[in-house]
Amino acid sequence: MKRIGRHTGLVLLLVLCAWTLRAQENTLKVEFSSDSTKNTSIGVFPRQGIVYGSLSDLATAFALGTYENRESGKFEIKRPPYRITVGSDNPFIIVTDQAGTKTAYQLPANVIHAADAYFVPLTAFLRYFTVTFNTSAAYYDPKLNVLRIGAPVAGDAFEISTLELSPKANGMLIRIPSSKPLPDLESWLRPDGWLYLTIADVKADTAALNRVHPSGLVKQLIAIQSPTSLQLTFRLSGKIATSEIIRSKESHDVFISIRTPGLDEKQLLERRQQEIRAGLEQERKGWRLDVIVLDAGHGGKDAGAIGVTGVREKDVALGITLKLGKLIEKNLKGVKVVYTRKDDRFVELDRRGQIANEAGGKLFISIHCNSLPRKPSKMRGFEVYLLRPGRTEDAIAIAERENAVIKMEEGYKDRYKDLTEENFILVAMAQSAHVKASEVFADLTQREIKNKTKIPDQGVKQAGFYVLVGAAMPNVLVETAYLSNREDEKLLRSQSGQQKIAESLFSAIKKYKNEYEKLLLEGEDIGSR
């Protein structure tokens, strides 16, 4: 019995040692140089040469708030006004700033959801983590198995905290002092006089930079810090011949030399501008607002929202669309109207954008009706939406309801699999050339519906509507009113109510067309204003 007991004790000892070694392999010490009482540890594990760290443990170590959406597989860490959101099996992280602006960054590998926790590629993630939550550099030492955290960033810890503007007889010299080498710089001088400078891997005192008083050629200065870089934007006046980045041989300072043209250069520049204007004249003809695409939401097997008395969204949307089309065809000569549907048929969401592009559309208007799950409800009013990630829970919910129609399409999982939240941001950015034009039309639409109908104004908003994704032109989605409200539904189901909404939209189109073509005649791009 004693021999069995000793054997059993030895086995237990070996198991305990193995468990202890495994626990050490799966934990990482976190040491705070400013306060050792805060020292702790986080869960980690290696995979294919990358060390992954537990995001919830990291949040606990820094006393950050967390939120998990199990249905969508999303996890969020936050310290107001900033937050970072990750998704399971996705390499993108979303950083949301104090203005609600979301920016996507890509990690070298996917976020992993395991053991009821989210694990991120530690070294790469720390780069965004420290900048977003204003901590000093966090250094992971794999040999000592420790994560070292310094004190919170102080004002004098910025590597760039000021810049100097020196007007010259032939231009401007901008000096950017830096406390460390700046190997990765990119600059871009736009023809309209905006100069962009991006400096990677640097922390800057943007508040101090934005207080620098403009001088000489520089009429405006904007400094923006992101987790990976500093962007300096300069609005320049007058004609610019060249801009050049010069590195100091005696320090880490960087100079930007901006030179105005001499007499010969001015003559050459004027000649080139004349040639460009001649070429643009032909291009302008192709950009006239000659094709408007009208999209009646839902249709066929997709009834859309159902009103208090059974009114169907697909019928109202089609009624307004056809009435609007007749107004355009009758009153705007030279403008062709293209319909994604003219009767009660089902059209896939991505096909609607294809129809618009194939027709050479210059403006895309998608017409819908709003609704709440509870009927009847007090909420009423119209909303105009732009294609951008939603900023409010209501806007996101409305977009999800409208997007749910894809489940009626065959093979929808494969067709829309790339439209994740993170990738959607990139898709929306790809339409940046039409953002300003869409905003102009959205504002006009809001104003005209408000002035010409009695429908309450719920404003211009933004959300991720799939139907707008494929339309490579200025586009908006209009939620005309709430079918779940008795008063709104009464207006929407009546021919006179639909006609008033159509007339409001037509008035917005007419004013937009005048503004749009006026800018073309002036040689400007409405998409860049």
Protein backbone atom coordinates (compact mmCIF):
# COMPACT_ATOMS: atom_id res chain seq x y z
CA MET A 1 0.00 0.00 0.00
CA LYS A 2 2.86 2.37 0.82
CA ARG A 3 4.50 1.70 -2.58
CA ILE A 4 1.21 2.48 -4.31
CA GLY A 5 0.89 5.63 -2.30
CA ARG A 6 4.41 6.82 -3.22
CA HIS A 7 3.73 6.05 -6.88
CA THR A 8 0.46 7.95 -6.79
CA GLY A 9 2.16 10.90 -5.12
CA LEU A 10 4.88 10.96 -7.81
CA VAL A 11 2.27 10.96 -10.58
CA LEU A 12 0.41 13.81 -8.93
CA LEU A 13 3.66 15.75 -8.57
CA LEU A 14 4.52 15.29 -12.26
CA VAL A 15 1.01 16.34 -13.29
CA LEU A 16 1.23 19.40 -11.07
CA CYS A 17 4.61 20.37 -12.53
CA ALA A 18 3.34 19.92 -16.09
CA TRP A 19 0.24 21.98 -15.30
CA THR A 20 2.39 24.73 -13.76
CA LEU A 21 4.67 24.84 -16.81
CA ARG A 22 1.68 24.95 -19.14
CA ALA A 23 0.13 27.75 -17.07
CA GLN A 24 3.37 29.72 -17.34
CA GLU A 25 3.41 29.23 -21.11
CA ASN A 26 -0.17 30.50 -21.37
CA THR A 27 0.27 33.62 -19.22
CA LEU A 28 2.26 36.79 -19.76
CA LYS A 29 3.45 39.05 -16.97
CA VAL A 30 2.44 42.71 -17.26
CA GLU A 31 4.70 45.15 -15.45
CA PHE A 32 3.86 48.85 -14.96
CA SER A 33 7.01 50.93 -14.51
CA SER A 34 5.08 53.72 -12.79
CA ASP A 35 3.24 51.57 -10.24
CA SER A 36 4.28 48.01 -9.47
CA THR A 37 1.08 47.41 -7.48
CA LYS A 38 -0.74 47.34 -10.80
CA ASN A 39 1.39 44.45 -12.08
CA THR A 40 -0.70 41.55 -13.31
CA SER A 41 -0.78 38.92 -16.06
CA ILE A 42 -2.80 38.20 -19.18
CA GLY A 43 -3.66 35.03 -21.02
CA VAL A 44 -1.59 34.30 -24.15
CA PHE A 45 -0.83 31.48 -26.54
CA PRO A 46 1.50 31.07 -29.56
CA ARG A 47 0.23 30.11 -33.00
CA GLN A 48 2.20 29.96 -36.25
CA GLY A 49 4.92 32.21 -34.87
CA ILE A 50 2.50 34.84 -33.51
CA VAL A 51 1.75 35.41 -29.83
CA TYR A 52 -1.94 36.10 -29.19
CA GLY A 53 -3.07 37.99 -26.08
CA SER A 54 -6.44 38.01 -24.31
CA LEU A 55 -8.25 41.26 -25.04
CA SER A 56 -10.45 41.05 -21.95
CA ASP A 57 -7.37 40.53 -19.74
CA LEU A 58 -5.69 43.52 -21.39
CA ALA A 59 -8.81 45.62 -20.73
CA THR A 60 -8.81 44.56 -17.07
CA ALA A 61 -5.13 45.47 -16.68
CA PHE A 62 -5.83 49.00 -17.92
CA ALA A 63 -9.24 49.36 -16.23
CA LEU A 64 -11.05 49.67 -19.57
CA GLY A 65 -14.73 48.96 -20.14
CA THR A 66 -15.76 46.01 -22.32
CA TYR A 67 -18.82 44.95 -24.29
CA GLU A 68 -19.51 41.71 -26.17
CA ASN A 69 -22.15 41.01 -28.81
CA ARG A 70 -22.26 37.23 -28.92
CA GLU A 71 -24.64 37.08 -31.88
CA SER A 72 -22.35 39.08 -34.17
CA GLY A 73 -19.10 37.79 -32.68
CA LYS A 74 -17.88 41.30 -31.79
CA PHE A 75 -15.93 42.44 -28.74
CA GLU A 76 -15.28 46.03 -27.70
CA ILE A 77 -12.90 47.71 -25.26
CA LYS A 78 -13.47 51.35 -24.41
CA ARG A 79 -12.49 54.33 -22.38
CA PRO A 80 -14.72 57.26 -23.35
CA PRO A 81 -14.62 58.87 -25.76
CA TYR A 82 -12.67 56.17 -27.65
CA ARG A 83 -13.27 52.48 -28.31
CA ILE A 84 -11.75 49.60 -30.27
CA THR A 85 -13.95 46.87 -31.77
CA VAL A 86 -12.74 43.47 -33.00
CA GLY A 87 -14.56 40.57 -34.65
CA SER A 88 -13.97 36.85 -34.46
CA ASP A 89 -12.02 35.38 -37.42
CA ASN A 90 -11.46 38.86 -38.85
CA PRO A 91 -8.13 40.74 -39.21
CA PHE A 92 -9.70 44.21 -39.07
CA ILE A 93 -10.11 46.34 -35.94
CA ILE A 94 -12.35 49.41 -35.81
CA VAL A 95 -11.20 52.49 -33.88
CA THR A 96 -14.03 54.92 -33.06
CA ASP A 97 -13.05 58.43 -32.01
CA GLN A 98 -14.82 61.11 -29.97
CA ALA A 99 -16.70 62.38 -33.04
CA GLY A 100 -18.07 58.90 -33.78
CA THR A 101 -15.83 58.49 -36.84
CA LYS A 102 -14.83 54.88 -37.45
CA THR A 103 -11.46 53.92 -38.95
CA ALA A 104 -10.49 50.39 -39.99
CA TYR A 105 -6.99 48.97 -39.47
CA GLN A 106 -5.73 45.55 -40.50
CA LEU A 107 -3.82 43.22 -38.20
CA PRO A 108 -1.37 40.64 -39.65
CA ALA A 109 -3.68 37.77 -38.64
CA ASN A 110 -7.31 37.14 -37.68
CA VAL A 111 -8.67 37.76 -34.20
CA ILE A 112 -9.33 34.38 -32.55
CA HIS A 113 -12.31 33.56 -30.34
CA ALA A 114 -11.41 30.68 -28.02
CA ALA A 115 -12.16 29.62 -24.43
CA ASP A 116 -14.92 32.27 -24.31
CA ALA A 117 -12.36 35.05 -24.91
CA TYR A 118 -11.02 37.12 -27.83
CA PHE A 119 -7.30 36.91 -28.60
CA VAL A 120 -5.44 39.44 -30.77
CA PRO A 121 -1.95 39.34 -32.37
CA LEU A 122 -0.32 41.03 -29.41
CA THR A 123 2.59 43.02 -30.85
CA ALA A 124 0.62 44.45 -33.78
CA PHE A 125 -2.45 45.23 -31.66
CA LEU A 126 -0.46 47.12 -29.01
CA ARG A 127 0.51 49.65 -31.65
CA TYR A 128 -3.10 50.78 -32.01
CA PHE A 129 -3.97 50.20 -28.36
CA THR A 130 -1.38 52.58 -26.90
CA VAL A 131 -2.26 55.48 -29.22
CA THR A 132 -6.03 55.11 -28.89
CA PHE A 133 -6.06 55.00 -25.09
CA ASN A 134 -3.13 57.39 -24.57
CA THR A 135 -0.76 55.03 -22.79
CA SER A 136 3.00 55.07 -23.24
CA ALA A 137 4.71 52.49 -25.40
CA ALA A 138 4.01 48.89 -24.41
CA TYR A 139 6.95 46.59 -25.13
CA TYR A 140 6.56 42.82 -25.31
CA ASP A 141 9.76 40.94 -24.47
CA PRO A 142 9.34 37.30 -25.60
CA LYS A 143 12.62 36.17 -23.98
CA LEU A 144 11.60 37.31 -20.49
CA ASN A 145 7.91 36.64 -21.16
CA VAL A 146 6.90 40.09 -19.94
CA LEU A 147 4.90 43.03 -21.23
CA ARG A 148 6.39 46.28 -19.95
CA ILE A 149 4.15 49.34 -19.66
CA GLY A 150 5.51 52.82 -19.01
CA ALA A 151 3.82 55.81 -17.41
CA PRO A 152 0.89 57.59 -19.12
CA VAL A 153 1.94 59.87 -21.95
CA ALA A 154 2.89 63.34 -20.74
CA GLY A 155 2.94 66.51 -22.79
CA ASP A 156 6.70 66.35 -23.27
CA ALA A 157 6.55 62.73 -24.50
CA PHE A 158 5.35 63.76 -27.96
CA GLU A 159 7.89 63.28 -30.72
CA ILE A 160 6.44 66.20 -32.69
CA SER A 161 4.95 69.10 -30.76
CA THR A 162 5.32 72.10 -33.08
CA LEU A 163 6.27 73.28 -36.55
CA GLU A 164 7.60 76.50 -38.00
CA LEU A 165 6.33 78.38 -41.07
CA SER A 166 8.92 80.59 -42.79
CA PRO A 167 7.68 82.62 -45.79
CA LYS A 168 10.30 83.15 -48.51
CA ALA A 169 10.48 85.38 -51.58
CA ASN A 170 9.92 82.38 -53.86
CA GLY A 171 7.66 80.29 -51.63
CA MET A 172 7.61 78.81 -48.14
CA LEU A 173 9.81 76.64 -45.90
CA ILE A 174 8.07 74.48 -43.27
CA ARG A 175 10.26 73.04 -40.52
CA ILE A 176 9.00 70.06 -38.48
CA PRO A 177 11.21 69.39 -35.43
CA SER A 178 11.25 65.77 -34.26
CA SER A 179 12.82 63.99 -31.30
CA LYS A 180 13.31 60.79 -33.29
CA PRO A 181 14.16 59.79 -36.89
CA LEU A 182 11.25 59.90 -39.33
CA PRO A 183 12.06 57.29 -41.98
CA ASP A 184 8.57 56.85 -43.41
CA LEU A 185 7.16 60.03 -45.01
CA GLU A 186 4.68 60.54 -47.82
CA SER A 187 3.51 63.82 -49.33
CA TRP A 188 0.95 64.71 -51.99
CA LEU A 189 0.30 68.12 -53.50
CA ARG A 190 -3.15 68.30 -55.09
CA PRO A 191 -3.81 70.60 -58.05
CA ASP A 192 -6.32 72.54 -55.96
CA GLY A 193 -3.62 73.65 -53.51
CA TRP A 194 -4.01 71.15 -50.67
CA LEU A 195 -0.72 69.62 -49.49
CA TYR A 196 -0.90 66.35 -47.51
CA LEU A 197 2.00 64.99 -45.43
CA THR A 198 1.75 61.61 -43.68
CA ILE A 199 4.38 60.64 -41.09
CA ALA A 200 4.26 57.02 -39.91
CA ASP A 201 4.97 55.74 -36.39
CA VAL A 202 5.04 59.09 -34.61
CA LYS A 203 3.06 60.69 -31.78
CA ALA A 204 2.27 64.38 -32.05
CA ASP A 205 0.71 67.07 -29.92
CA THR A 206 -2.06 67.82 -32.40
CA ALA A 207 -3.62 70.43 -30.13
CA ALA A 208 -0.40 72.46 -30.22
CA LEU A 209 0.05 71.92 -33.97
CA ASN A 210 -3.47 73.10 -34.71
CA ARG A 211 -2.73 76.30 -32.77
CA VAL A 212 0.10 77.25 -35.14
CA HIS A 213 -0.90 80.51 -36.82
CA PRO A 214 -1.07 80.29 -40.67
CA SER A 215 1.47 82.42 -42.50
CA GLY A 216 2.51 83.21 -46.07
CA LEU A 217 1.33 80.61 -48.58
CA VAL A 218 -0.17 78.48 -45.78
CA LYS A 219 -3.74 79.62 -45.16
CA GLN A 220 -4.87 76.67 -43.05
CA LEU A 221 -3.23 73.86 -41.10
CA ILE A 222 -4.94 70.66 -39.90
CA ALA A 223 -3.16 68.02 -37.78
CA ILE A 224 -4.80 64.61 -37.23
CA GLN A 225 -3.31 61.77 -35.15
CA SER A 226 -4.19 58.17 -35.94
CA PRO A 227 -2.93 54.99 -34.26
CA THR A 228 -0.36 54.50 -37.01
CA SER A 229 0.57 57.97 -38.24
CA LEU A 230 0.31 61.74 -38.14
CA GLN A 231 -1.33 63.54 -41.05
CA LEU A 232 -0.58 67.19 -41.65
CA THR A 233 -2.77 69.00 -44.17
CA PHE A 234 -1.90 72.46 -45.49
CA ARG A 235 -4.21 74.66 -47.58
CA LEU A 236 -1.97 76.72 -49.83
CA SER A 237 -2.79 79.89 -51.75
CA GLY A 238 -1.62 80.94 -55.18
CA LYS A 239 0.11 78.85 -57.82
CA ILE A 240 2.59 76.24 -56.62
CA ALA A 241 5.40 74.98 -58.82
CA THR A 242 6.87 72.22 -56.64
CA SER A 243 6.96 70.82 -53.13
CA GLU A 244 9.85 68.78 -51.77
CA ILE A 245 10.69 66.95 -48.53
CA ILE A 246 14.20 67.66 -47.22
CA ARG A 247 15.78 65.84 -44.26
CA SER A 248 18.16 67.69 -41.99
CA LYS A 249 21.70 66.27 -41.89
CA GLU A 250 22.30 67.62 -38.39
CA SER A 251 19.09 66.51 -36.61
CA HIS A 252 15.86 64.49 -37.00
CA ASP A 253 14.07 67.57 -38.32
CA VAL A 254 12.21 67.51 -41.62
CA PHE A 255 11.72 70.46 -43.97
CA ILE A 256 9.07 70.94 -46.65
CA SER A 257 10.13 73.29 -49.40
CA ILE A 258 7.24 74.86 -51.33
CA ARG A 259 8.24 76.87 -54.38
CA THR A 260 6.11 79.27 -56.42
CA PRO A 261 6.67 79.39 -60.20
CA GLY A 262 8.99 81.88 -61.92
CA LEU A 263 8.05 83.74 -65.13
CA ASP A 264 8.85 80.86 -67.52
CA GLU A 265 7.16 78.36 -65.24
CA LYS A 266 4.04 80.55 -65.03
CA GLN A 267 3.77 80.68 -68.82
CA LEU A 268 4.25 76.91 -69.05
CA LEU A 269 1.67 76.37 -66.31
CA GLU A 270 -0.88 78.60 -68.06
CA ARG A 271 -0.34 76.73 -71.33
CA ARG A 272 -0.89 73.39 -69.61
CA GLN A 273 -4.03 74.69 -67.94
CA GLN A 274 -5.40 75.77 -71.32
CA GLU A 275 -4.80 72.28 -72.67
CA ILE A 276 -6.47 70.74 -69.64
CA ARG A 277 -9.49 73.04 -69.99
CA ALA A 278 -9.87 72.06 -73.63
CA GLY A 279 -9.87 68.37 -72.68
CA LEU A 280 -12.24 68.92 -69.78
CA GLU A 281 -14.78 70.59 -72.06
CA GLN A 282 -15.32 67.27 -73.80
CA GLU A 283 -15.46 65.39 -70.50
CA ARG A 284 -18.05 67.80 -69.07
CA LYS A 285 -20.49 66.83 -71.79
CA GLY A 286 -20.29 63.23 -70.58
CA TRP A 287 -20.91 64.28 -66.98
CA ARG A 288 -24.12 66.21 -67.48
CA LEU A 289 -27.04 65.06 -65.37
CA ASP A 290 -28.73 63.24 -68.21
CA VAL A 291 -29.62 59.88 -66.56
CA ILE A 292 -31.45 59.55 -63.22
CA VAL A 293 -32.03 56.08 -61.76
CA LEU A 294 -35.13 55.62 -59.60
CA ASP A 295 -35.23 52.58 -57.33
CA ALA A 296 -38.58 51.54 -55.86
CA GLY A 297 -37.72 49.55 -52.73
CA HIS A 298 -38.70 45.89 -52.31
CA GLY A 299 -41.18 44.27 -54.76
CA GLY A 300 -42.53 40.86 -55.74
CA LYS A 301 -42.11 38.30 -52.96
CA ASP A 302 -40.58 41.03 -50.78
CA ALA A 303 -43.46 43.16 -49.49
CA GLY A 304 -41.24 45.26 -47.24
CA ALA A 305 -42.81 46.82 -44.15
CA ILE A 306 -46.53 46.34 -43.51
CA GLY A 307 -48.57 49.29 -42.23
CA VAL A 308 -51.13 49.57 -39.46
CA THR A 309 -54.00 48.78 -41.86
CA GLY A 310 -51.99 46.40 -44.06
CA VAL A 311 -50.50 48.88 -46.55
CA ARG A 312 -47.39 47.34 -48.14
CA GLU A 313 -44.14 49.25 -48.46
CA LYS A 314 -43.45 47.85 -51.94
CA ASP A 315 -46.72 49.36 -53.28
CA VAL A 316 -46.12 52.81 -51.80
CA ALA A 317 -42.51 52.91 -52.98
CA LEU A 318 -43.54 51.98 -56.52
CA GLY A 319 -46.36 54.53 -56.55
CA ILE A 320 -44.05 57.41 -55.53
CA THR A 321 -41.35 56.24 -57.95
CA LEU A 322 -43.64 56.15 -60.98
CA LYS A 323 -45.12 59.56 -60.15
CA LEU A 324 -41.63 61.03 -59.74
CA GLY A 325 -40.52 59.49 -63.02
CA LYS A 326 -43.41 61.11 -64.89
CA LEU A 327 -42.53 64.53 -63.45
CA ILE A 328 -38.92 64.18 -64.59
CA GLU A 329 -39.82 62.93 -68.07
CA LYS A 330 -42.34 65.73 -68.55
CA ASN A 331 -40.38 68.67 -67.15
CA LEU A 332 -36.65 67.93 -67.53
CA LYS A 333 -35.82 67.75 -71.22
CA GLY A 334 -32.76 65.71 -72.09
CA VAL A 335 -32.95 63.69 -68.87
CA LYS A 336 -33.58 59.96 -69.17
CA VAL A 337 -35.29 58.10 -66.32
CA VAL A 338 -34.19 54.52 -65.63
CA TYR A 339 -36.25 52.37 -63.26
CA THR A 340 -34.87 49.37 -61.37
CA ARG A 341 -38.47 48.13 -61.46
CA LYS A 342 -41.69 49.57 -62.96
CA ASP A 343 -44.02 46.88 -61.66
CA ASP A 344 -44.43 44.42 -58.80
CA ARG A 345 -41.36 42.25 -59.30
CA PHE A 346 -38.46 41.10 -57.10
CA VAL A 347 -35.05 42.62 -57.93
CA GLU A 348 -31.90 41.62 -55.99
CA LEU A 349 -30.19 44.44 -54.13
CA ASP A 350 -26.85 44.13 -55.93
CA ARG A 351 -28.65 43.96 -59.30
CA ARG A 352 -30.19 47.41 -58.67
CA GLY A 353 -26.75 49.01 -58.53
CA GLN A 354 -25.74 47.13 -61.68
CA ILE A 355 -28.78 48.49 -63.52
CA ALA A 356 -27.79 52.03 -62.50
CA ASN A 357 -24.17 51.62 -63.62
CA GLU A 358 -25.03 49.95 -66.93
CA ALA A 359 -27.39 52.84 -67.73
CA GLY A 360 -24.68 55.43 -67.07
CA GLY A 361 -26.65 56.91 -64.19
CA LYS A 362 -25.60 60.28 -62.74
CA LEU A 363 -27.94 60.14 -59.71
CA PHE A 364 -29.45 57.15 -57.85
CA ILE A 365 -32.51 57.56 -55.59
CA SER A 366 -33.85 54.59 -53.60
CA ILE A 367 -37.38 55.12 -52.22
CA HIS A 368 -38.68 53.32 -49.12
CA CYS A 369 -41.07 53.58 -46.16
CA ASN A 370 -40.06 53.32 -42.53
CA SER A 371 -41.70 51.24 -39.81
CA LEU A 372 -41.36 50.14 -36.20
CA PRO A 373 -42.11 46.62 -34.93
CA ARG A 374 -44.87 47.92 -32.66
CA LYS A 375 -48.03 49.04 -34.45
CA PRO A 376 -49.49 51.53 -34.14
CA SER A 377 -46.58 53.71 -32.92
CA LYS A 378 -46.19 57.42 -32.27
CA MET A 379 -42.94 57.76 -34.24
CA ARG A 380 -43.41 59.51 -37.59
CA GLY A 381 -41.40 61.50 -40.10
CA PHE A 382 -39.09 61.18 -43.11
CA GLU A 383 -35.34 60.51 -43.18
CA VAL A 384 -32.71 60.84 -45.91
CA TYR A 385 -29.77 58.43 -45.75
CA LEU A 386 -26.22 58.55 -47.10
CA LEU A 387 -24.04 55.47 -47.62
CA ARG A 388 -21.72 55.38 -44.61
CA PRO A 389 -21.40 53.18 -41.53
CA GLY A 390 -24.32 53.93 -39.19
CA ARG A 391 -23.67 56.22 -36.22
CA THR A 392 -26.83 55.60 -34.24
CA GLU A 393 -28.57 52.43 -33.08
CA ASP A 394 -31.79 53.50 -34.87
CA ALA A 395 -29.98 54.05 -38.17
CA ILE A 396 -28.23 50.69 -37.89
CA ALA A 397 -31.53 48.94 -37.11
CA ILE A 398 -33.24 50.52 -40.13
CA ALA A 399 -30.38 49.47 -42.42
CA GLU A 400 -30.50 45.92 -41.04
CA ARG A 401 -34.24 45.75 -41.76
CA GLU A 402 -33.82 46.98 -45.33
CA ASN A 403 -30.79 44.72 -45.88
CA ALA A 404 -32.64 41.65 -44.60
CA VAL A 405 -34.19 41.23 -48.06
CA ILE A 406 -30.98 39.54 -49.24
CA LYS A 407 -32.12 36.42 -47.39
CA MET A 408 -34.78 36.04 -50.10
CA GLU A 409 -32.09 35.93 -52.79
CA GLU A 410 -30.56 32.67 -53.99
CA GLY A 411 -26.95 32.20 -52.91
CA TYR A 412 -26.98 35.40 -50.85
CA LYS A 413 -24.35 34.14 -48.39
CA ASP A 414 -21.73 33.94 -51.13
CA ARG A 415 -22.81 37.15 -52.90
CA TYR A 416 -22.64 39.35 -49.81
CA LYS A 417 -20.02 37.52 -47.73
CA ASP A 418 -17.44 40.31 -48.14
CA LEU A 419 -19.73 43.02 -46.76
CA THR A 420 -18.57 42.75 -43.16
CA GLU A 421 -18.72 45.85 -40.95
CA GLU A 422 -15.02 46.45 -41.46
CA ASN A 423 -14.98 45.86 -45.20
CA PHE A 424 -18.09 48.00 -45.55
CA ILE A 425 -16.11 51.00 -44.34
CA LEU A 426 -13.63 50.41 -47.14
CA VAL A 427 -16.48 50.04 -49.66
CA ALA A 428 -17.99 53.33 -48.52
CA MET A 429 -14.58 55.01 -48.80
CA ALA A 430 -14.32 53.78 -52.40
CA GLN A 431 -17.31 56.01 -53.23
CA SER A 432 -15.61 59.07 -51.75
CA ALA A 433 -15.64 60.80 -55.16
CA HIS A 434 -19.42 61.08 -54.87
CA VAL A 435 -19.72 61.88 -51.16
CA LYS A 436 -20.08 65.65 -51.47
CA ALA A 437 -22.53 65.41 -54.35
CA SER A 438 -24.63 62.93 -52.36
CA GLU A 439 -24.57 65.29 -49.38
CA VAL A 440 -25.72 68.21 -51.57
CA PHE A 441 -28.66 66.22 -52.92
CA ALA A 442 -29.55 64.83 -49.48
CA ASP A 443 -29.71 68.35 -48.03
CA LEU A 444 -31.90 69.56 -50.90
CA THR A 445 -34.19 66.54 -50.51
CA GLN A 446 -34.55 67.17 -46.79
CA ARG A 447 -35.39 70.83 -47.37
CA GLU A 448 -37.94 70.21 -50.12
CA ILE A 449 -39.87 67.41 -48.36
CA LYS A 450 -39.95 69.49 -45.19
CA ASN A 451 -41.27 72.58 -47.02
CA LYS A 452 -43.75 70.86 -49.33
CA THR A 453 -45.32 68.23 -47.05
CA LYS A 454 -46.52 68.04 -43.46
CA ILE A 455 -44.27 65.06 -42.69
CA PRO A 456 -41.99 65.77 -39.69
CA ASP A 457 -38.29 66.11 -40.54
CA GLN A 458 -36.07 63.45 -38.91
CA GLY A 459 -32.95 64.74 -40.67
CA VAL A 460 -30.14 63.50 -42.92
CA LYS A 461 -28.47 60.39 -41.50
CA GLN A 462 -26.02 57.71 -42.54
CA ALA A 463 -26.22 53.93 -42.55
CA GLY A 464 -24.97 50.90 -44.44
CA PHE A 465 -27.67 50.17 -47.00
CA TYR A 466 -26.56 47.41 -49.38
CA VAL A 467 -28.69 48.81 -52.21
CA LEU A 468 -26.45 51.91 -52.36
CA VAL A 469 -23.16 50.00 -52.32
CA GLY A 470 -22.99 49.17 -56.02
CA ALA A 471 -24.21 52.49 -57.43
CA ALA A 472 -21.06 54.28 -58.64
CA MET A 473 -22.66 57.73 -58.65
CA PRO A 474 -24.16 60.20 -56.16
CA ASN A 475 -26.87 58.30 -54.28
CA VAL A 476 -29.34 58.56 -51.39
CA LEU A 477 -32.01 56.42 -49.79
CA VAL A 478 -35.24 58.13 -48.70
CA GLU A 479 -37.42 56.69 -45.92
CA THR A 480 -40.52 58.69 -46.83
CA ALA A 481 -42.58 58.17 -43.62
CA TYR A 482 -43.62 55.54 -41.04
CA LEU A 483 -46.17 52.91 -42.06
CA SER A 484 -46.41 51.97 -38.38
CA ASN A 485 -47.90 55.42 -37.63
CA ARG A 486 -51.58 55.92 -38.51
CA GLU A 487 -51.17 59.50 -39.73
CA ASP A 488 -48.10 58.76 -41.84
CA GLU A 489 -49.68 55.61 -43.27
CA LYS A 490 -52.82 57.51 -44.26
CA LEU A 491 -50.68 59.96 -46.24
CA LEU A 492 -48.53 57.22 -47.84
CA ARG A 493 -51.45 55.12 -49.04
CA SER A 494 -53.23 58.08 -50.67
CA GLN A 495 -52.53 59.11 -54.26
CA SER A 496 -52.37 62.76 -53.21
CA GLY A 497 -49.83 61.99 -50.48
CA GLN A 498 -47.62 60.03 -52.87
CA GLN A 499 -47.88 62.86 -55.39
CA LYS A 500 -46.74 65.45 -52.82
CA ILE A 501 -43.70 63.37 -51.93
CA ALA A 502 -42.91 62.86 -55.63
CA GLU A 503 -43.19 66.62 -56.25
CA SER A 504 -40.86 67.31 -53.32
CA LEU A 505 -38.26 64.90 -54.70
CA PHE A 506 -38.64 66.40 -58.17
CA SER A 507 -38.05 69.90 -56.80
CA ALA A 508 -34.87 68.66 -55.10
CA ILE A 509 -33.70 67.03 -58.35
CA LYS A 510 -34.36 70.21 -60.33
CA LYS A 511 -32.38 72.38 -57.92
CA TYR A 512 -29.61 69.79 -57.73
CA LYS A 513 -29.40 69.65 -61.53
CA ASN A 514 -28.98 73.43 -61.75
CA GLU A 515 -26.24 73.41 -59.08
CA TYR A 516 -24.53 70.36 -60.58
CA GLU A 517 -24.34 71.71 -64.13
CA LYS A 518 -23.36 75.17 -62.91
CA LEU A 519 -20.29 73.63 -61.28
CA LEU A 520 -19.51 71.72 -64.47
CA LEU A 521 -19.58 74.95 -66.46
CA GLU A 522 -17.20 76.51 -63.97
CA GLY A 523 -14.81 73.62 -64.52
CA GLU A 524 -15.14 72.26 -60.99
CA ASP A 525 -15.80 68.75 -59.75
CA ILE A 526 -18.91 68.62 -57.57
CA GLY A 527 -17.57 65.45 -56.01
CA SER A 528 -14.61 67.29 -54.52
CA ARG A 529 -16.49 70.22 -52.97
